[in-house]
Amino acid sequence: MSFHVRLVGLVVVLLLGIQQQQEYRVQAYQDAFTSTELSYFFGRKPDADFICFEKQLVKGTTLPTTVTTTQATNIEYITVQADKYYKEGFRATVTPALPVMTTNVRIDGKPVLPYNILVQFWCAP
């Protein structure tokens, strides 16, 4: 076998090794605690719905935190939005599934929130 063939084989093996390391890094990032999302929308918002409750989590809030509300009518839609772009987002989870009269929004992310987050609950008329 010539030196040239062996060299090409070695380069291919090295490139495959680098590709596997990059795939591992991507998977590790996807398994990270936070996501890059800076806004979330849950449920379905009919035109007649109105904001029945909102809460702002201010910069410096300790995470994780849960925003809970109970309303007289069904909560059909929830928005969770950061007030500015930031390289690291947060994760929002709503339980139970909408529409409901009582719900929780759990927000996870950096231990100290680097921006404001506005949580809005939209209710049926």
PDB file of N, CA and C in Angstrom:
ATOM      1  N   MET A   1       0.849  -1.168   0.000  1.00  0.00           N
ATOM      2  CA  MET A   1       0.000   0.000   0.000  1.00  0.00           C
ATOM      3  C   MET A   1       0.898   1.236   0.000  1.00  0.00           C
ATOM      4  N   SER A   2       0.543   2.201  -0.805  1.00  0.00           N
ATOM      5  CA  SER A   2       1.392   3.375  -0.937  1.00  0.00           C
ATOM      6  C   SER A   2       1.196   4.334   0.237  1.00  0.00           C
ATOM      7  N   PHE A   3       2.153   5.187   0.400  1.00  0.00           N
ATOM      8  CA  PHE A   3       2.110   6.200   1.443  1.00  0.00           C
ATOM      9  C   PHE A   3       0.916   7.131   1.243  1.00  0.00           C
ATOM     10  N   HIS A   4       0.602   7.465  -0.002  1.00  0.00           N
ATOM     11  CA  HIS A   4      -0.502   8.370  -0.319  1.00  0.00           C
ATOM     12  C   HIS A   4      -1.849   7.783   0.134  1.00  0.00           C
ATOM     13  N   VAL A   5      -2.083   6.501  -0.105  1.00  0.00           N
ATOM     14  CA  VAL A   5      -3.332   5.845   0.282  1.00  0.00           C
ATOM     15  C   VAL A   5      -3.462   5.822   1.805  1.00  0.00           C
ATOM     16  N   ARG A   6      -2.363   5.518   2.490  1.00  0.00           N
ATOM     17  CA  ARG A   6      -2.394   5.502   3.953  1.00  0.00           C
ATOM     18  C   ARG A   6      -2.685   6.894   4.515  1.00  0.00           C
ATOM     19  N   LEU A   7      -2.107   7.920   3.915  1.00  0.00           N
ATOM     20  CA  LEU A   7      -2.324   9.291   4.364  1.00  0.00           C
ATOM     21  C   LEU A   7      -3.781   9.700   4.181  1.00  0.00           C
ATOM     22  N   VAL A   8      -4.375   9.362   3.050  1.00  0.00           N
ATOM     23  CA  VAL A   8      -5.791   9.676   2.804  1.00  0.00           C
ATOM     24  C   VAL A   8      -6.669   8.946   3.811  1.00  0.00           C
ATOM     25  N   GLY A   9      -6.363   7.685   4.099  1.00  0.00           N
ATOM     26  CA  GLY A   9      -7.130   6.930   5.093  1.00  0.00           C
ATOM     27  C   GLY A   9      -7.033   7.554   6.469  1.00  0.00           C
ATOM     28  N   LEU A  10      -5.851   8.025   6.856  1.00  0.00           N
ATOM     29  CA  LEU A  10      -5.660   8.674   8.146  1.00  0.00           C
ATOM     30  C   LEU A  10      -6.465   9.965   8.235  1.00  0.00           C
ATOM     31  N   VAL A  11      -6.501  10.751   7.172  1.00  0.00           N
ATOM     32  CA  VAL A  11      -7.267  12.002   7.148  1.00  0.00           C
ATOM     33  C   VAL A  11      -8.759  11.704   7.300  1.00  0.00           C
ATOM     34  N   VAL A  12      -9.261  10.679   6.606  1.00  0.00           N
ATOM     35  CA  VAL A  12     -10.677  10.303   6.711  1.00  0.00           C
ATOM     36  C   VAL A  12     -11.011   9.905   8.141  1.00  0.00           C
ATOM     37  N   VAL A  13     -10.167   9.109   8.777  1.00  0.00           N
ATOM     38  CA  VAL A  13     -10.398   8.677  10.163  1.00  0.00           C
ATOM     39  C   VAL A  13     -10.417   9.891  11.092  1.00  0.00           C
ATOM     40  N   LEU A  14      -9.499  10.821  10.909  1.00  0.00           N
ATOM     41  CA  LEU A  14      -9.467  12.025  11.745  1.00  0.00           C
ATOM     42  C   LEU A  14     -10.717  12.873  11.557  1.00  0.00           C
ATOM     43  N   LEU A  15     -11.156  13.030  10.312  1.00  0.00           N
ATOM     44  CA  LEU A  15     -12.365  13.818  10.049  1.00  0.00           C
ATOM     45  C   LEU A  15     -13.592  13.171  10.675  1.00  0.00           C
ATOM     46  N   LEU A  16     -13.697  11.864  10.618  1.00  0.00           N
ATOM     47  CA  LEU A  16     -14.823  11.171  11.247  1.00  0.00           C
ATOM     48  C   LEU A  16     -14.796  11.366  12.762  1.00  0.00           C
ATOM     49  N   GLY A  17     -13.621  11.340  13.353  1.00  0.00           N
ATOM     50  CA  GLY A  17     -13.492  11.566  14.793  1.00  0.00           C
ATOM     51  C   GLY A  17     -13.922  12.963  15.179  1.00  0.00           C
ATOM     52  N   ILE A  18     -13.545  13.962  14.377  1.00  0.00           N
ATOM     53  CA  ILE A  18     -13.943  15.347  14.650  1.00  0.00           C
ATOM     54  C   ILE A  18     -15.451  15.484  14.518  1.00  0.00           C
ATOM     55  N   GLN A  19     -16.048  14.874  13.500  1.00  0.00           N
ATOM     56  CA  GLN A  19     -17.491  14.948  13.306  1.00  0.00           C
ATOM     57  C   GLN A  19     -18.224  14.337  14.501  1.00  0.00           C
ATOM     58  N   GLN A  20     -17.748  13.207  15.019  1.00  0.00           N
ATOM     59  CA  GLN A  20     -18.385  12.576  16.170  1.00  0.00           C
ATOM     60  C   GLN A  20     -18.297  13.483  17.394  1.00  0.00           C
ATOM     61  N   GLN A  21     -17.170  14.173  17.596  1.00  0.00           N
ATOM     62  CA  GLN A  21     -17.045  15.091  18.727  1.00  0.00           C
ATOM     63  C   GLN A  21     -18.019  16.240  18.586  1.00  0.00           C
ATOM     64  N   GLN A  22     -18.211  16.787  17.379  1.00  0.00           N
ATOM     65  CA  GLN A  22     -19.151  17.879  17.178  1.00  0.00           C
ATOM     66  C   GLN A  22     -20.571  17.411  17.446  1.00  0.00           C
ATOM     67  N   GLU A  23     -20.937  16.205  16.997  1.00  0.00           N
ATOM     68  CA  GLU A  23     -22.267  15.678  17.266  1.00  0.00           C
ATOM     69  C   GLU A  23     -22.484  15.540  18.766  1.00  0.00           C
ATOM     70  N   TYR A  24     -21.454  15.121  19.504  1.00  0.00           N
ATOM     71  CA  TYR A  24     -21.570  14.989  20.950  1.00  0.00           C
ATOM     72  C   TYR A  24     -21.803  16.357  21.588  1.00  0.00           C
ATOM     73  N   ARG A  25     -21.080  17.381  21.127  1.00  0.00           N
ATOM     74  CA  ARG A  25     -21.251  18.728  21.680  1.00  0.00           C
ATOM     75  C   ARG A  25     -22.654  19.245  21.424  1.00  0.00           C
ATOM     76  N   VAL A  26     -23.189  19.018  20.219  1.00  0.00           N
ATOM     77  CA  VAL A  26     -24.547  19.465  19.904  1.00  0.00           C
ATOM     78  C   VAL A  26     -25.542  18.769  20.812  1.00  0.00           C
ATOM     79  N   GLN A  27     -25.392  17.469  21.011  1.00  0.00           N
ATOM     80  CA  GLN A  27     -26.301  16.730  21.879  1.00  0.00           C
ATOM     81  C   GLN A  27     -26.190  17.234  23.318  1.00  0.00           C
ATOM     82  N   ALA A  28     -24.981  17.493  23.786  1.00  0.00           N
ATOM     83  CA  ALA A  28     -24.805  18.004  25.143  1.00  0.00           C
ATOM     84  C   ALA A  28     -25.471  19.354  25.281  1.00  0.00           C
ATOM     85  N   TYR A  29     -25.399  20.203  24.260  1.00  0.00           N
ATOM     86  CA  TYR A  29     -26.046  21.513  24.320  1.00  0.00           C
ATOM     87  C   TYR A  29     -27.555  21.363  24.352  1.00  0.00           C
ATOM     88  N   GLN A  30     -28.085  20.436  23.553  1.00  0.00           N
ATOM     89  CA  GLN A  30     -29.530  20.238  23.525  1.00  0.00           C
ATOM     90  C   GLN A  30     -30.045  19.704  24.860  1.00  0.00           C
ATOM     91  N   ASP A  31     -29.206  19.001  25.604  1.00  0.00           N
ATOM     92  CA  ASP A  31     -29.611  18.487  26.898  1.00  0.00           C
ATOM     93  C   ASP A  31     -29.419  19.520  28.008  1.00  0.00           C
ATOM     94  N   ALA A  32     -28.955  20.705  27.660  1.00  0.00           N
ATOM     95  CA  ALA A  32     -28.697  21.739  28.661  1.00  0.00           C
ATOM     96  C   ALA A  32     -29.996  22.145  29.341  1.00  0.00           C
ATOM     97  N   PHE A  33     -29.872  22.752  30.492  1.00  0.00           N
ATOM     98  CA  PHE A  33     -31.021  23.115  31.314  1.00  0.00           C
ATOM     99  C   PHE A  33     -31.872  24.193  30.664  1.00  0.00           C
ATOM    100  N   THR A  34     -31.244  25.145  30.010  1.00  0.00           N
ATOM    101  CA  THR A  34     -32.001  26.228  29.385  1.00  0.00           C
ATOM    102  C   THR A  34     -32.125  25.999  27.894  1.00  0.00           C
ATOM    103  N   SER A  35     -33.058  26.678  27.294  1.00  0.00           N
ATOM    104  CA  SER A  35     -33.185  26.671  25.851  1.00  0.00           C
ATOM    105  C   SER A  35     -32.853  28.077  25.370  1.00  0.00           C
ATOM    106  N   THR A  36     -32.835  28.285  24.075  1.00  0.00           N
ATOM    107  CA  THR A  36     -32.569  29.621  23.561  1.00  0.00           C
ATOM    108  C   THR A  36     -33.859  30.387  23.304  1.00  0.00           C
ATOM    109  N   GLU A  37     -34.988  29.805  23.645  1.00  0.00           N
ATOM    110  CA  GLU A  37     -36.264  30.475  23.421  1.00  0.00           C
ATOM    111  C   GLU A  37     -36.404  31.675  24.348  1.00  0.00           C
ATOM    112  N   LEU A  38     -36.925  32.768  23.797  1.00  0.00           N
ATOM    113  CA  LEU A  38     -37.167  33.969  24.592  1.00  0.00           C
ATOM    114  C   LEU A  38     -38.645  34.333  24.590  1.00  0.00           C
ATOM    115  N   SER A  39     -39.496  33.465  24.031  1.00  0.00           N
ATOM    116  CA  SER A  39     -40.946  33.648  24.122  1.00  0.00           C
ATOM    117  C   SER A  39     -41.623  32.293  23.913  1.00  0.00           C
ATOM    118  N   TYR A  40     -42.736  32.120  24.597  1.00  0.00           N
ATOM    119  CA  TYR A  40     -43.522  30.890  24.507  1.00  0.00           C
ATOM    120  C   TYR A  40     -44.996  31.271  24.413  1.00  0.00           C
ATOM    121  N   PHE A  41     -45.770  30.450  23.709  1.00  0.00           N
ATOM    122  CA  PHE A  41     -47.197  30.661  23.568  1.00  0.00           C
ATOM    123  C   PHE A  41     -47.874  29.318  23.799  1.00  0.00           C
ATOM    124  N   PHE A  42     -48.849  29.288  24.690  1.00  0.00           N
ATOM    125  CA  PHE A  42     -49.543  28.046  25.024  1.00  0.00           C
ATOM    126  C   PHE A  42     -51.034  28.236  24.801  1.00  0.00           C
ATOM    127  N   GLY A  43     -51.681  27.248  24.218  1.00  0.00           N
ATOM    128  CA  GLY A  43     -53.126  27.277  24.041  1.00  0.00           C
ATOM    129  C   GLY A  43     -53.546  27.896  22.719  1.00  0.00           C
ATOM    130  N   ARG A  44     -54.820  28.255  22.658  1.00  0.00           N
ATOM    131  CA  ARG A  44     -55.422  28.856  21.465  1.00  0.00           C
ATOM    132  C   ARG A  44     -56.120  30.133  21.898  1.00  0.00           C
ATOM    133  N   LYS A  45     -55.862  31.253  21.203  1.00  0.00           N
ATOM    134  CA  LYS A  45     -56.403  32.543  21.606  1.00  0.00           C
ATOM    135  C   LYS A  45     -57.505  32.996  20.660  1.00  0.00           C
ATOM    136  N   PRO A  46     -58.764  32.826  21.054  1.00  0.00           N
ATOM    137  CA  PRO A  46     -59.860  33.408  20.264  1.00  0.00           C
ATOM    138  C   PRO A  46     -59.803  34.943  20.349  1.00  0.00           C
ATOM    139  N   ASP A  47     -60.374  35.612  19.352  1.00  0.00           N
ATOM    140  CA  ASP A  47     -60.339  37.077  19.301  1.00  0.00           C
ATOM    141  C   ASP A  47     -60.987  37.734  20.512  1.00  0.00           C
ATOM    142  N   ALA A  48     -61.995  37.109  21.101  1.00  0.00           N
ATOM    143  CA  ALA A  48     -62.730  37.716  22.212  1.00  0.00           C
ATOM    144  C   ALA A  48     -62.003  37.591  23.559  1.00  0.00           C
ATOM    145  N   ASP A  49     -60.951  36.783  23.635  1.00  0.00           N
ATOM    146  CA  ASP A  49     -60.243  36.609  24.915  1.00  0.00           C
ATOM    147  C   ASP A  49     -59.614  37.927  25.364  1.00  0.00           C
ATOM    148  N   PHE A  50     -59.454  38.054  26.676  1.00  0.00           N
ATOM    149  CA  PHE A  50     -58.861  39.260  27.255  1.00  0.00           C
ATOM    150  C   PHE A  50     -57.810  38.857  28.281  1.00  0.00           C
ATOM    151  N   ILE A  51     -56.902  39.777  28.588  1.00  0.00           N
ATOM    152  CA  ILE A  51     -55.877  39.509  29.600  1.00  0.00           C
ATOM    153  C   ILE A  51     -56.549  39.569  30.964  1.00  0.00           C
ATOM    154  N   CYS A  52     -56.586  38.436  31.658  1.00  0.00           N
ATOM    155  CA  CYS A  52     -57.234  38.389  32.964  1.00  0.00           C
ATOM    156  C   CYS A  52     -56.219  38.458  34.106  1.00  0.00           C
ATOM    157  N   PHE A  53     -54.942  38.202  33.803  1.00  0.00           N
ATOM    158  CA  PHE A  53     -53.908  38.293  34.841  1.00  0.00           C
ATOM    159  C   PHE A  53     -52.561  38.368  34.149  1.00  0.00           C
ATOM    160  N   GLU A  54     -51.669  39.185  34.699  1.00  0.00           N
ATOM    161  CA  GLU A  54     -50.307  39.202  34.191  1.00  0.00           C
ATOM    162  C   GLU A  54     -49.341  39.437  35.339  1.00  0.00           C
ATOM    163  N   LYS A  55     -48.161  38.901  35.165  1.00  0.00           N
ATOM    164  CA  LYS A  55     -47.122  39.037  36.191  1.00  0.00           C
ATOM    165  C   LYS A  55     -45.809  39.264  35.480  1.00  0.00           C
ATOM    166  N   GLN A  56     -45.030  40.202  35.996  1.00  0.00           N
ATOM    167  CA  GLN A  56     -43.713  40.452  35.435  1.00  0.00           C
ATOM    168  C   GLN A  56     -42.660  39.952  36.407  1.00  0.00           C
ATOM    169  N   LEU A  57     -41.766  39.114  35.889  1.00  0.00           N
ATOM    170  CA  LEU A  57     -40.607  38.672  36.650  1.00  0.00           C
ATOM    171  C   LEU A  57     -39.485  39.635  36.286  1.00  0.00           C
ATOM    172  N   VAL A  58     -38.959  40.347  37.265  1.00  0.00           N
ATOM    173  CA  VAL A  58     -37.966  41.377  36.983  1.00  0.00           C
ATOM    174  C   VAL A  58     -36.558  40.798  36.950  1.00  0.00           C
ATOM    175  N   LYS A  59     -35.686  41.520  36.257  1.00  0.00           N
ATOM    176  CA  LYS A  59     -34.280  41.147  36.183  1.00  0.00           C
ATOM    177  C   LYS A  59     -33.755  40.962  37.595  1.00  0.00           C
ATOM    178  N   GLY A  60     -33.035  39.856  37.833  1.00  0.00           N
ATOM    179  CA  GLY A  60     -32.506  39.556  39.156  1.00  0.00           C
ATOM    180  C   GLY A  60     -33.328  38.543  39.925  1.00  0.00           C
ATOM    181  N   THR A  61     -34.519  38.173  39.394  1.00  0.00           N
ATOM    182  CA  THR A  61     -35.353  37.159  40.037  1.00  0.00           C
ATOM    183  C   THR A  61     -34.602  35.829  40.069  1.00  0.00           C
ATOM    184  N   THR A  62     -34.703  35.107  41.177  1.00  0.00           N
ATOM    185  CA  THR A  62     -34.062  33.801  41.307  1.00  0.00           C
ATOM    186  C   THR A  62     -34.939  32.739  40.640  1.00  0.00           C
ATOM    187  N   LEU A  63     -34.330  31.928  39.788  1.00  0.00           N
ATOM    188  CA  LEU A  63     -35.039  30.841  39.119  1.00  0.00           C
ATOM    189  C   LEU A  63     -34.593  29.512  39.688  1.00  0.00           C
ATOM    190  N   PRO A  64     -35.405  28.476  39.650  1.00  0.00           N
ATOM    191  CA  PRO A  64     -36.724  28.394  39.022  1.00  0.00           C
ATOM    192  C   PRO A  64     -37.790  29.076  39.873  1.00  0.00           C
ATOM    193  N   THR A  65     -38.844  29.500  39.203  1.00  0.00           N
ATOM    194  CA  THR A  65     -39.981  30.102  39.887  1.00  0.00           C
ATOM    195  C   THR A  65     -41.262  29.639  39.209  1.00  0.00           C
ATOM    196  N   THR A  66     -42.367  29.717  39.937  1.00  0.00           N
ATOM    197  CA  THR A  66     -43.663  29.312  39.405  1.00  0.00           C
ATOM    198  C   THR A  66     -44.651  30.457  39.568  1.00  0.00           C
ATOM    199  N   VAL A  67     -45.363  30.777  38.487  1.00  0.00           N
ATOM    200  CA  VAL A  67     -46.428  31.778  38.518  1.00  0.00           C
ATOM    201  C   VAL A  67     -47.735  31.004  38.491  1.00  0.00           C
ATOM    202  N   THR A  68     -48.578  31.221  39.497  1.00  0.00           N
ATOM    203  CA  THR A  68     -49.842  30.503  39.628  1.00  0.00           C
ATOM    204  C   THR A  68     -50.991  31.494  39.619  1.00  0.00           C
ATOM    205  N   THR A  69     -52.084  31.122  38.965  1.00  0.00           N
ATOM    206  CA  THR A  69     -53.283  31.964  39.000  1.00  0.00           C
ATOM    207  C   THR A  69     -54.529  31.097  38.973  1.00  0.00           C
ATOM    208  N   THR A  70     -55.578  31.618  39.581  1.00  0.00           N
ATOM    209  CA  THR A  70     -56.908  31.022  39.545  1.00  0.00           C
ATOM    210  C   THR A  70     -57.862  32.098  39.060  1.00  0.00           C
ATOM    211  N   GLN A  71     -58.665  31.782  38.053  1.00  0.00           N
ATOM    212  CA  GLN A  71     -59.573  32.757  37.458  1.00  0.00           C
ATOM    213  C   GLN A  71     -61.004  32.245  37.506  1.00  0.00           C
ATOM    214  N   ALA A  72     -61.949  33.172  37.333  1.00  0.00           N
ATOM    215  CA  ALA A  72     -63.363  32.814  37.353  1.00  0.00           C
ATOM    216  C   ALA A  72     -63.808  32.176  36.042  1.00  0.00           C
ATOM    217  N   THR A  73     -63.065  32.430  34.961  1.00  0.00           N
ATOM    218  CA  THR A  73     -63.373  31.816  33.666  1.00  0.00           C
ATOM    219  C   THR A  73     -62.150  31.037  33.190  1.00  0.00           C
ATOM    220  N   ASN A  74     -62.339  30.257  32.145  1.00  0.00           N
ATOM    221  CA  ASN A  74     -61.241  29.429  31.632  1.00  0.00           C
ATOM    222  C   ASN A  74     -60.082  30.267  31.100  1.00  0.00           C
ATOM    223  N   ILE A  75     -58.876  29.883  31.489  1.00  0.00           N
ATOM    224  CA  ILE A  75     -57.660  30.442  30.908  1.00  0.00           C
ATOM    225  C   ILE A  75     -57.420  29.632  29.638  1.00  0.00           C
ATOM    226  N   GLU A  76     -57.437  30.322  28.487  1.00  0.00           N
ATOM    227  CA  GLU A  76     -57.329  29.612  27.216  1.00  0.00           C
ATOM    228  C   GLU A  76     -55.985  29.807  26.525  1.00  0.00           C
ATOM    229  N   TYR A  77     -55.233  30.829  26.938  1.00  0.00           N
ATOM    230  CA  TYR A  77     -54.009  31.171  26.228  1.00  0.00           C
ATOM    231  C   TYR A  77     -53.036  31.815  27.203  1.00  0.00           C
ATOM    232  N   ILE A  78     -51.751  31.478  27.084  1.00  0.00           N
ATOM    233  CA  ILE A  78     -50.715  32.053  27.950  1.00  0.00           C
ATOM    234  C   ILE A  78     -49.538  32.468  27.079  1.00  0.00           C
ATOM    235  N   THR A  79     -49.026  33.679  27.324  1.00  0.00           N
ATOM    236  CA  THR A  79     -47.807  34.122  26.663  1.00  0.00           C
ATOM    237  C   THR A  79     -46.746  34.359  27.729  1.00  0.00           C
ATOM    238  N   VAL A  80     -45.520  33.997  27.412  1.00  0.00           N
ATOM    239  CA  VAL A  80     -44.378  34.202  28.303  1.00  0.00           C
ATOM    240  C   VAL A  80     -43.282  34.794  27.423  1.00  0.00           C
ATOM    241  N   GLN A  81     -42.918  36.069  27.677  1.00  0.00           N
ATOM    242  CA  GLN A  81     -42.001  36.755  26.778  1.00  0.00           C
ATOM    243  C   GLN A  81     -40.930  37.524  27.534  1.00  0.00           C
ATOM    244  N   ALA A  82     -39.698  37.407  27.050  1.00  0.00           N
ATOM    245  CA  ALA A  82     -38.591  38.204  27.583  1.00  0.00           C
ATOM    246  C   ALA A  82     -38.679  39.599  26.983  1.00  0.00           C
ATOM    247  N   ASP A  83     -38.168  40.592  27.704  1.00  0.00           N
ATOM    248  CA  ASP A  83     -38.272  41.965  27.214  1.00  0.00           C
ATOM    249  C   ASP A  83     -37.129  42.374  26.304  1.00  0.00           C
ATOM    250  N   LYS A  84     -36.099  41.526  26.168  1.00  0.00           N
ATOM    251  CA  LYS A  84     -35.002  41.841  25.260  1.00  0.00           C
ATOM    252  C   LYS A  84     -34.306  40.559  24.848  1.00  0.00           C
ATOM    253  N   TYR A  85     -33.513  40.662  23.806  1.00  0.00           N
ATOM    254  CA  TYR A  85     -32.755  39.517  23.324  1.00  0.00           C
ATOM    255  C   TYR A  85     -31.604  39.234  24.284  1.00  0.00           C
ATOM    256  N   TYR A  86     -31.361  37.950  24.511  1.00  0.00           N
ATOM    257  CA  TYR A  86     -30.234  37.531  25.316  1.00  0.00           C
ATOM    258  C   TYR A  86     -29.772  36.195  24.767  1.00  0.00           C
ATOM    259  N   LYS A  87     -28.479  35.926  24.826  1.00  0.00           N
ATOM    260  CA  LYS A  87     -27.933  34.702  24.221  1.00  0.00           C
ATOM    261  C   LYS A  87     -28.458  33.431  24.863  1.00  0.00           C
ATOM    262  N   GLU A  88     -28.854  33.478  26.122  1.00  0.00           N
ATOM    263  CA  GLU A  88     -29.407  32.305  26.801  1.00  0.00           C
ATOM    264  C   GLU A  88     -30.853  32.584  27.169  1.00  0.00           C
ATOM    265  N   GLY A  89     -31.734  31.713  26.746  1.00  0.00           N
ATOM    266  CA  GLY A  89     -33.141  31.895  27.024  1.00  0.00           C
ATOM    267  C   GLY A  89     -33.561  31.214  28.313  1.00  0.00           C
ATOM    268  N   PHE A  90     -34.800  30.772  28.343  1.00  0.00           N
ATOM    269  CA  PHE A  90     -35.361  30.116  29.512  1.00  0.00           C
ATOM    270  C   PHE A  90     -36.317  29.037  29.029  1.00  0.00           C
ATOM    271  N   ARG A  91     -36.794  28.236  29.933  1.00  0.00           N
ATOM    272  CA  ARG A  91     -37.761  27.186  29.619  1.00  0.00           C
ATOM    273  C   ARG A  91     -39.029  27.456  30.422  1.00  0.00           C
ATOM    274  N   ALA A  92     -40.175  27.403  29.748  1.00  0.00           N
ATOM    275  CA  ALA A  92     -41.467  27.605  30.406  1.00  0.00           C
ATOM    276  C   ALA A  92     -42.296  26.337  30.249  1.00  0.00           C
ATOM    277  N   THR A  93     -42.938  25.924  31.341  1.00  0.00           N
ATOM    278  CA  THR A  93     -43.778  24.735  31.337  1.00  0.00           C
ATOM    279  C   THR A  93     -45.115  25.086  31.978  1.00  0.00           C
ATOM    280  N   VAL A  94     -46.216  24.739  31.301  1.00  0.00           N
ATOM    281  CA  VAL A  94     -47.561  25.018  31.812  1.00  0.00           C
ATOM    282  C   VAL A  94     -48.205  23.710  32.234  1.00  0.00           C
ATOM    283  N   THR A  95     -48.763  23.693  33.454  1.00  0.00           N
ATOM    284  CA  THR A  95     -49.527  22.536  33.939  1.00  0.00           C
ATOM    285  C   THR A  95     -50.759  23.025  34.669  1.00  0.00           C
ATOM    286  N   PRO A  96     -51.876  22.395  34.540  1.00  0.00           N
ATOM    287  CA  PRO A  96     -52.237  21.353  33.574  1.00  0.00           C
ATOM    288  C   PRO A  96     -52.496  21.964  32.199  1.00  0.00           C
ATOM    289  N   ALA A  97     -52.884  21.119  31.250  1.00  0.00           N
ATOM    290  CA  ALA A  97     -53.139  21.572  29.881  1.00  0.00           C
ATOM    291  C   ALA A  97     -54.306  22.557  29.847  1.00  0.00           C
ATOM    292  N   LEU A  98     -54.254  23.487  28.919  1.00  0.00           N
ATOM    293  CA  LEU A  98     -55.295  24.506  28.763  1.00  0.00           C
ATOM    294  C   LEU A  98     -56.449  23.949  27.944  1.00  0.00           C
ATOM    295  N   PRO A  99     -57.663  24.467  28.095  1.00  0.00           N
ATOM    296  CA  PRO A  99     -58.139  25.523  28.990  1.00  0.00           C
ATOM    297  C   PRO A  99     -58.454  24.988  30.384  1.00  0.00           C
ATOM    298  N   VAL A 100     -58.160  25.808  31.384  1.00  0.00           N
ATOM    299  CA  VAL A 100     -58.404  25.479  32.784  1.00  0.00           C
ATOM    300  C   VAL A 100     -58.708  26.754  33.553  1.00  0.00           C
ATOM    301  N   MET A 101     -59.139  26.616  34.791  1.00  0.00           N
ATOM    302  CA  MET A 101     -59.404  27.790  35.631  1.00  0.00           C
ATOM    303  C   MET A 101     -58.228  28.094  36.564  1.00  0.00           C
ATOM    304  N   THR A 102     -57.418  27.090  36.851  1.00  0.00           N
ATOM    305  CA  THR A 102     -56.223  27.265  37.685  1.00  0.00           C
ATOM    306  C   THR A 102     -55.047  26.659  36.946  1.00  0.00           C
ATOM    307  N   THR A 103     -53.953  27.398  36.862  1.00  0.00           N
ATOM    308  CA  THR A 103     -52.792  26.894  36.133  1.00  0.00           C
ATOM    309  C   THR A 103     -51.495  27.401  36.750  1.00  0.00           C
ATOM    310  N   ASN A 104     -50.420  26.695  36.457  1.00  0.00           N
ATOM    311  CA  ASN A 104     -49.072  27.050  36.915  1.00  0.00           C
ATOM    312  C   ASN A 104     -48.165  27.184  35.704  1.00  0.00           C
ATOM    313  N   VAL A 105     -47.317  28.209  35.711  1.00  0.00           N
ATOM    314  CA  VAL A 105     -46.281  28.363  34.703  1.00  0.00           C
ATOM    315  C   VAL A 105     -44.956  28.313  35.442  1.00  0.00           C
ATOM    316  N   ARG A 106     -44.181  27.273  35.186  1.00  0.00           N
ATOM    317  CA  ARG A 106     -42.866  27.129  35.812  1.00  0.00           C
ATOM    318  C   ARG A 106     -41.820  27.645  34.841  1.00  0.00           C
ATOM    319  N   ILE A 107     -40.945  28.514  35.326  1.00  0.00           N
ATOM    320  CA  ILE A 107     -39.906  29.098  34.498  1.00  0.00           C
ATOM    321  C   ILE A 107     -38.549  28.706  35.067  1.00  0.00           C
ATOM    322  N   ASP A 108     -37.741  28.067  34.215  1.00  0.00           N
ATOM    323  CA  ASP A 108     -36.389  27.634  34.566  1.00  0.00           C
ATOM    324  C   ASP A 108     -35.410  28.345  33.653  1.00  0.00           C
ATOM    325  N   GLY A 109     -34.214  28.550  34.143  1.00  0.00           N
ATOM    326  CA  GLY A 109     -33.179  29.157  33.316  1.00  0.00           C
ATOM    327  C   GLY A 109     -31.947  29.412  34.156  1.00  0.00           C
ATOM    328  N   LYS A 110     -31.235  30.490  33.806  1.00  0.00           N
ATOM    329  CA  LYS A 110     -30.065  30.871  34.595  1.00  0.00           C
ATOM    330  C   LYS A 110     -30.513  31.085  36.039  1.00  0.00           C
ATOM    331  N   PRO A 111     -29.667  30.817  37.031  1.00  0.00           N
ATOM    332  CA  PRO A 111     -30.065  30.968  38.433  1.00  0.00           C
ATOM    333  C   PRO A 111     -30.563  32.371  38.776  1.00  0.00           C
ATOM    334  N   VAL A 112     -29.996  33.386  38.125  1.00  0.00           N
ATOM    335  CA  VAL A 112     -30.461  34.757  38.317  1.00  0.00           C
ATOM    336  C   VAL A 112     -30.876  35.282  36.949  1.00  0.00           C
ATOM    337  N   LEU A 113     -32.117  35.702  36.844  1.00  0.00           N
ATOM    338  CA  LEU A 113     -32.689  36.134  35.574  1.00  0.00           C
ATOM    339  C   LEU A 113     -31.983  37.390  35.050  1.00  0.00           C
ATOM    340  N   PRO A 114     -31.416  37.351  33.820  1.00  0.00           N
ATOM    341  CA  PRO A 114     -30.681  38.503  33.290  1.00  0.00           C
ATOM    342  C   PRO A 114     -31.554  39.495  32.514  1.00  0.00           C
ATOM    343  N   TYR A 115     -32.864  39.310  32.500  1.00  0.00           N
ATOM    344  CA  TYR A 115     -33.799  40.193  31.783  1.00  0.00           C
ATOM    345  C   TYR A 115     -35.164  40.051  32.437  1.00  0.00           C
ATOM    346  N   ASN A 116     -36.122  40.896  32.056  1.00  0.00           N
ATOM    347  CA  ASN A 116     -37.488  40.805  32.555  1.00  0.00           C
ATOM    348  C   ASN A 116     -38.277  39.811  31.713  1.00  0.00           C
ATOM    349  N   ILE A 117     -39.227  39.119  32.340  1.00  0.00           N
ATOM    350  CA  ILE A 117     -40.132  38.215  31.633  1.00  0.00           C
ATOM    351  C   ILE A 117     -41.559  38.599  32.008  1.00  0.00           C
ATOM    352  N   LEU A 118     -42.413  38.772  30.983  1.00  0.00           N
ATOM    353  CA  LEU A 118     -43.818  39.092  31.210  1.00  0.00           C
ATOM    354  C   LEU A 118     -44.645  37.843  30.927  1.00  0.00           C
ATOM    355  N   VAL A 119     -45.448  37.425  31.915  1.00  0.00           N
ATOM    356  CA  VAL A 119     -46.337  36.273  31.782  1.00  0.00           C
ATOM    357  C   VAL A 119     -47.755  36.813  31.731  1.00  0.00           C
ATOM    358  N   GLN A 120     -48.483  36.514  30.644  1.00  0.00           N
ATOM    359  CA  GLN A 120     -49.865  36.979  30.482  1.00  0.00           C
ATOM    360  C   GLN A 120     -50.796  35.788  30.350  1.00  0.00           C
ATOM    361  N   PHE A 121     -51.895  35.861  31.082  1.00  0.00           N
ATOM    362  CA  PHE A 121     -52.942  34.830  31.031  1.00  0.00           C
ATOM    363  C   PHE A 121     -54.150  35.438  30.328  1.00  0.00           C
ATOM    364  N   TRP A 122     -54.645  34.781  29.292  1.00  0.00           N
ATOM    365  CA  TRP A 122     -55.780  35.249  28.517  1.00  0.00           C
ATOM    366  C   TRP A 122     -56.977  34.355  28.832  1.00  0.00           C
ATOM    367  N   CYS A 123     -58.103  34.977  29.181  1.00  0.00           N
ATOM    368  CA  CYS A 123     -59.295  34.221  29.594  1.00  0.00           C
ATOM    369  C   CYS A 123     -60.451  34.398  28.604  1.00  0.00           C
ATOM    370  N   ALA A 124     -61.360  33.424  28.666  1.00  0.00           N
ATOM    371  CA  ALA A 124     -62.580  33.482  27.857  1.00  0.00           C
ATOM    372  C   ALA A 124     -63.499  34.551  28.447  1.00  0.00           C
ATOM    373  N   PRO A 125     -64.281  35.221  27.599  1.00  0.00           N
ATOM    374  CA  PRO A 125     -65.204  36.256  28.118  1.00  0.00           C
ATOM    375  C   PRO A 125     -66.323  35.662  28.953  1.00  0.00           C
TER     376      PRO A 125
END
